[in-house]
Amino acid sequence: MSYQSTPPTRSASSAVPAYSARDLTQEGGLAQIILDDQTYTLRITRAGKLILTK
């Protein structure tokens, strides 16, 4: 499995990386996020909300 990541965007006043959910999901509405050995699913709902599930 290959992973693509969108480079974070940073503003001059923020030290926290920011990612576009639409870029992460590549406009498909779903993305998998892996943390250690756990896979999470990020989903954009029809109402434009984000849901992160294990």
PDB file of N, CA and C in Angstrom:
ATOM      1  N   MET A   1       0.849  -1.174   0.000  1.00  0.00           N
ATOM      2  CA  MET A   1       0.000   0.000   0.000  1.00  0.00           C
ATOM      3  C   MET A   1       0.890   1.231   0.000  1.00  0.00           C
ATOM      4  N   SER A   2       0.616   2.166  -0.873  1.00  0.00           N
ATOM      5  CA  SER A   2       1.394   3.398  -0.901  1.00  0.00           C
ATOM      6  C   SER A   2       0.610   4.508  -0.219  1.00  0.00           C
ATOM      7  N   TYR A   3       1.348   5.431   0.319  1.00  0.00           N
ATOM      8  CA  TYR A   3       0.728   6.539   1.043  1.00  0.00           C
ATOM      9  C   TYR A   3       1.122   7.832   0.367  1.00  0.00           C
ATOM     10  N   GLN A   4       0.141   8.693   0.194  1.00  0.00           N
ATOM     11  CA  GLN A   4       0.410  10.026  -0.321  1.00  0.00           C
ATOM     12  C   GLN A   4       0.053  10.996   0.780  1.00  0.00           C
ATOM     13  N   SER A   5       0.842  12.008   0.907  1.00  0.00           N
ATOM     14  CA  SER A   5       0.504  13.004   1.904  1.00  0.00           C
ATOM     15  C   SER A   5       0.614  14.379   1.289  1.00  0.00           C
ATOM     16  N   THR A   6      -0.305  15.202   1.646  1.00  0.00           N
ATOM     17  CA  THR A   6      -0.307  16.583   1.189  1.00  0.00           C
ATOM     18  C   THR A   6       0.568  17.380   2.141  1.00  0.00           C
ATOM     19  N   PRO A   7       1.510  18.138   1.619  1.00  0.00           N
ATOM     20  CA  PRO A   7       2.350  18.928   2.520  1.00  0.00           C
ATOM     21  C   PRO A   7       1.497  19.866   3.356  1.00  0.00           C
ATOM     22  N   PRO A   8       1.835  20.009   4.622  1.00  0.00           N
ATOM     23  CA  PRO A   8       1.055  20.899   5.475  1.00  0.00           C
ATOM     24  C   PRO A   8       1.206  22.346   5.043  1.00  0.00           C
ATOM     25  N   THR A   9       0.166  23.110   5.278  1.00  0.00           N
ATOM     26  CA  THR A   9       0.258  24.550   5.051  1.00  0.00           C
ATOM     27  C   THR A   9       0.408  25.201   6.415  1.00  0.00           C
ATOM     28  N   ARG A  10       1.264  26.168   6.482  1.00  0.00           N
ATOM     29  CA  ARG A  10       1.502  26.838   7.760  1.00  0.00           C
ATOM     30  C   ARG A  10       1.365  28.342   7.572  1.00  0.00           C
ATOM     31  N   SER A  11       0.699  28.932   8.524  1.00  0.00           N
ATOM     32  CA  SER A  11       0.644  30.389   8.508  1.00  0.00           C
ATOM     33  C   SER A  11       1.751  30.904   9.416  1.00  0.00           C
ATOM     34  N   ALA A  12       2.099  32.135   9.247  1.00  0.00           N
ATOM     35  CA  ALA A  12       3.177  32.717  10.037  1.00  0.00           C
ATOM     36  C   ALA A  12       2.854  32.714  11.525  1.00  0.00           C
ATOM     37  N   SER A  13       1.559  32.745  11.882  1.00  0.00           N
ATOM     38  CA  SER A  13       1.186  32.836  13.287  1.00  0.00           C
ATOM     39  C   SER A  13       0.904  31.473  13.920  1.00  0.00           C
ATOM     40  N   SER A  14       0.996  30.376  13.135  1.00  0.00           N
ATOM     41  CA  SER A  14       0.641  29.075  13.668  1.00  0.00           C
ATOM     42  C   SER A  14       1.793  28.087  13.503  1.00  0.00           C
ATOM     43  N   ALA A  15       2.097  27.370  14.591  1.00  0.00           N
ATOM     44  CA  ALA A  15       3.138  26.352  14.535  1.00  0.00           C
ATOM     45  C   ALA A  15       2.533  24.974  14.324  1.00  0.00           C
ATOM     46  N   VAL A  16       1.200  24.883  14.235  1.00  0.00           N
ATOM     47  CA  VAL A  16       0.511  23.610  14.075  1.00  0.00           C
ATOM     48  C   VAL A  16       0.236  23.379  12.587  1.00  0.00           C
ATOM     49  N   PRO A  17       0.642  22.215  12.036  1.00  0.00           N
ATOM     50  CA  PRO A  17       0.370  21.956  10.620  1.00  0.00           C
ATOM     51  C   PRO A  17      -1.130  21.907  10.340  1.00  0.00           C
ATOM     52  N   ALA A  18      -1.530  22.362   9.170  1.00  0.00           N
ATOM     53  CA  ALA A  18      -2.939  22.341   8.760  1.00  0.00           C
ATOM     54  C   ALA A  18      -3.041  21.608   7.429  1.00  0.00           C
ATOM     55  N   TYR A  19      -4.016  20.703   7.325  1.00  0.00           N
ATOM     56  CA  TYR A  19      -4.226  19.918   6.114  1.00  0.00           C
ATOM     57  C   TYR A  19      -5.650  20.124   5.631  1.00  0.00           C
ATOM     58  N   SER A  20      -5.825  20.187   4.336  1.00  0.00           N
ATOM     59  CA  SER A  20      -7.162  20.275   3.766  1.00  0.00           C
ATOM     60  C   SER A  20      -7.771  18.877   3.734  1.00  0.00           C
ATOM     61  N   ALA A  21      -8.932  18.691   4.346  1.00  0.00           N
ATOM     62  CA  ALA A  21      -9.612  17.395   4.342  1.00  0.00           C
ATOM     63  C   ALA A  21      -9.961  16.995   2.911  1.00  0.00           C
ATOM     64  N   ARG A  22     -10.280  17.953   2.077  1.00  0.00           N
ATOM     65  CA  ARG A  22     -10.606  17.645   0.675  1.00  0.00           C
ATOM     66  C   ARG A  22      -9.371  17.153  -0.069  1.00  0.00           C
ATOM     67  N   ASP A  23      -8.199  17.701   0.248  1.00  0.00           N
ATOM     68  CA  ASP A  23      -6.967  17.203  -0.356  1.00  0.00           C
ATOM     69  C   ASP A  23      -6.650  15.799   0.156  1.00  0.00           C
ATOM     70  N   LEU A  24      -6.837  15.572   1.447  1.00  0.00           N
ATOM     71  CA  LEU A  24      -6.556  14.256   2.021  1.00  0.00           C
ATOM     72  C   LEU A  24      -7.445  13.176   1.420  1.00  0.00           C
ATOM     73  N   THR A  25      -8.692  13.515   1.147  1.00  0.00           N
ATOM     74  CA  THR A  25      -9.624  12.529   0.593  1.00  0.00           C
ATOM     75  C   THR A  25      -9.600  12.522  -0.929  1.00  0.00           C
ATOM     76  N   GLN A  26      -8.796  13.377  -1.523  1.00  0.00           N
ATOM     77  CA  GLN A  26      -8.683  13.514  -2.974  1.00  0.00           C
ATOM     78  C   GLN A  26     -10.064  13.653  -3.606  1.00  0.00           C
ATOM     79  N   GLU A  27     -10.886  14.482  -2.999  1.00  0.00           N
ATOM     80  CA  GLU A  27     -12.249  14.782  -3.455  1.00  0.00           C
ATOM     81  C   GLU A  27     -13.183  13.574  -3.446  1.00  0.00           C
ATOM     82  N   GLY A  28     -12.737  12.442  -2.901  1.00  0.00           N
ATOM     83  CA  GLY A  28     -13.575  11.248  -2.862  1.00  0.00           C
ATOM     84  C   GLY A  28     -14.396  11.128  -1.592  1.00  0.00           C
ATOM     85  N   GLY A  29     -14.086  11.904  -0.585  1.00  0.00           N
ATOM     86  CA  GLY A  29     -14.856  11.886   0.649  1.00  0.00           C
ATOM     87  C   GLY A  29     -14.347  10.933   1.704  1.00  0.00           C
ATOM     88  N   LEU A  30     -13.373  10.058   1.371  1.00  0.00           N
ATOM     89  CA  LEU A  30     -12.818   9.108   2.338  1.00  0.00           C
ATOM     90  C   LEU A  30     -11.299   9.115   2.278  1.00  0.00           C
ATOM     91  N   ALA A  31     -10.687   8.958   3.456  1.00  0.00           N
ATOM     92  CA  ALA A  31      -9.232   8.798   3.525  1.00  0.00           C
ATOM     93  C   ALA A  31      -8.925   7.881   4.696  1.00  0.00           C
ATOM     94  N   GLN A  32      -7.866   7.103   4.569  1.00  0.00           N
ATOM     95  CA  GLN A  32      -7.417   6.275   5.679  1.00  0.00           C
ATOM     96  C   GLN A  32      -6.211   6.944   6.309  1.00  0.00           C
ATOM     97  N   ILE A  33      -6.214   6.980   7.633  1.00  0.00           N
ATOM     98  CA  ILE A  33      -5.127   7.576   8.397  1.00  0.00           C
ATOM     99  C   ILE A  33      -4.575   6.480   9.294  1.00  0.00           C
ATOM    100  N   ILE A  34      -3.269   6.271   9.228  1.00  0.00           N
ATOM    101  CA  ILE A  34      -2.645   5.202  10.002  1.00  0.00           C
ATOM    102  C   ILE A  34      -1.823   5.816  11.125  1.00  0.00           C
ATOM    103  N   LEU A  35      -2.055   5.330  12.333  1.00  0.00           N
ATOM    104  CA  LEU A  35      -1.298   5.738  13.514  1.00  0.00           C
ATOM    105  C   LEU A  35      -0.786   4.466  14.162  1.00  0.00           C
ATOM    106  N   ASP A  36       0.526   4.291  14.155  1.00  0.00           N
ATOM    107  CA  ASP A  36       1.155   3.059  14.633  1.00  0.00           C
ATOM    108  C   ASP A  36       0.555   1.878  13.869  1.00  0.00           C
ATOM    109  N   ASP A  37      -0.118   0.965  14.524  1.00  0.00           N
ATOM    110  CA  ASP A  37      -0.693  -0.187  13.816  1.00  0.00           C
ATOM    111  C   ASP A  37      -2.207  -0.089  13.685  1.00  0.00           C
ATOM    112  N   GLN A  38      -2.772   1.093  13.921  1.00  0.00           N
ATOM    113  CA  GLN A  38      -4.219   1.301  13.840  1.00  0.00           C
ATOM    114  C   GLN A  38      -4.564   2.108  12.593  1.00  0.00           C
ATOM    115  N   THR A  39      -5.625   1.696  11.896  1.00  0.00           N
ATOM    116  CA  THR A  39      -6.097   2.423  10.719  1.00  0.00           C
ATOM    117  C   THR A  39      -7.421   3.089  11.049  1.00  0.00           C
ATOM    118  N   TYR A  40      -7.507   4.370  10.762  1.00  0.00           N
ATOM    119  CA  TYR A  40      -8.711   5.164  10.993  1.00  0.00           C
ATOM    120  C   TYR A  40      -9.248   5.620   9.648  1.00  0.00           C
ATOM    121  N   THR A  41     -10.547   5.845   9.576  1.00  0.00           N
ATOM    122  CA  THR A  41     -11.169   6.344   8.357  1.00  0.00           C
ATOM    123  C   THR A  41     -11.704   7.751   8.611  1.00  0.00           C
ATOM    124  N   LEU A  42     -11.296   8.672   7.777  1.00  0.00           N
ATOM    125  CA  LEU A  42     -11.786  10.040   7.807  1.00  0.00           C
ATOM    126  C   LEU A  42     -12.818  10.167   6.703  1.00  0.00           C
ATOM    127  N   ARG A  43     -14.005  10.638   7.052  1.00  0.00           N
ATOM    128  CA  ARG A  43     -15.085  10.748   6.062  1.00  0.00           C
ATOM    129  C   ARG A  43     -15.674  12.149   6.114  1.00  0.00           C
ATOM    130  N   ILE A  44     -15.934  12.704   4.939  1.00  0.00           N
ATOM    131  CA  ILE A  44     -16.642  13.977   4.840  1.00  0.00           C
ATOM    132  C   ILE A  44     -18.097  13.643   4.554  1.00  0.00           C
ATOM    133  N   THR A  45     -19.007  14.117   5.411  1.00  0.00           N
ATOM    134  CA  THR A  45     -20.426  13.831   5.241  1.00  0.00           C
ATOM    135  C   THR A  45     -21.031  14.755   4.179  1.00  0.00           C
ATOM    136  N   ARG A  46     -22.255  14.436   3.781  1.00  0.00           N
ATOM    137  CA  ARG A  46     -22.965  15.295   2.811  1.00  0.00           C
ATOM    138  C   ARG A  46     -23.181  16.697   3.366  1.00  0.00           C
ATOM    139  N   ALA A  47     -23.255  16.805   4.697  1.00  0.00           N
ATOM    140  CA  ALA A  47     -23.458  18.101   5.332  1.00  0.00           C
ATOM    141  C   ALA A  47     -22.138  18.865   5.496  1.00  0.00           C
ATOM    142  N   GLY A  48     -21.021  18.257   5.044  1.00  0.00           N
ATOM    143  CA  GLY A  48     -19.741  18.945   5.135  1.00  0.00           C
ATOM    144  C   GLY A  48     -19.057  18.792   6.488  1.00  0.00           C
ATOM    145  N   LYS A  49     -19.475  17.827   7.287  1.00  0.00           N
ATOM    146  CA  LYS A  49     -18.855  17.565   8.590  1.00  0.00           C
ATOM    147  C   LYS A  49     -17.830  16.456   8.431  1.00  0.00           C
ATOM    148  N   LEU A  50     -16.911  16.375   9.393  1.00  0.00           N
ATOM    149  CA  LEU A  50     -15.894  15.324   9.379  1.00  0.00           C
ATOM    150  C   LEU A  50     -16.198  14.281  10.436  1.00  0.00           C
ATOM    151  N   ILE A  51     -16.019  13.006  10.070  1.00  0.00           N
ATOM    152  CA  ILE A  51     -16.167  11.902  11.012  1.00  0.00           C
ATOM    153  C   ILE A  51     -14.897  11.069  10.927  1.00  0.00           C
ATOM    154  N   LEU A  52     -14.291  10.775  12.078  1.00  0.00           N
ATOM    155  CA  LEU A  52     -13.114   9.943  12.159  1.00  0.00           C
ATOM    156  C   LEU A  52     -13.492   8.688  12.927  1.00  0.00           C
ATOM    157  N   THR A  53     -13.367   7.536  12.297  1.00  0.00           N
ATOM    158  CA  THR A  53     -13.735   6.272  12.942  1.00  0.00           C
ATOM    159  C   THR A  53     -12.561   5.316  12.891  1.00  0.00           C
ATOM    160  N   LYS A  54     -12.572   4.385  13.827  1.00  0.00           N
ATOM    161  CA  LYS A  54     -11.525   3.382  13.921  1.00  0.00           C
ATOM    162  C   LYS A  54     -11.928   2.158  13.144  1.00  0.00           C
TER     163      LYS A  54
END
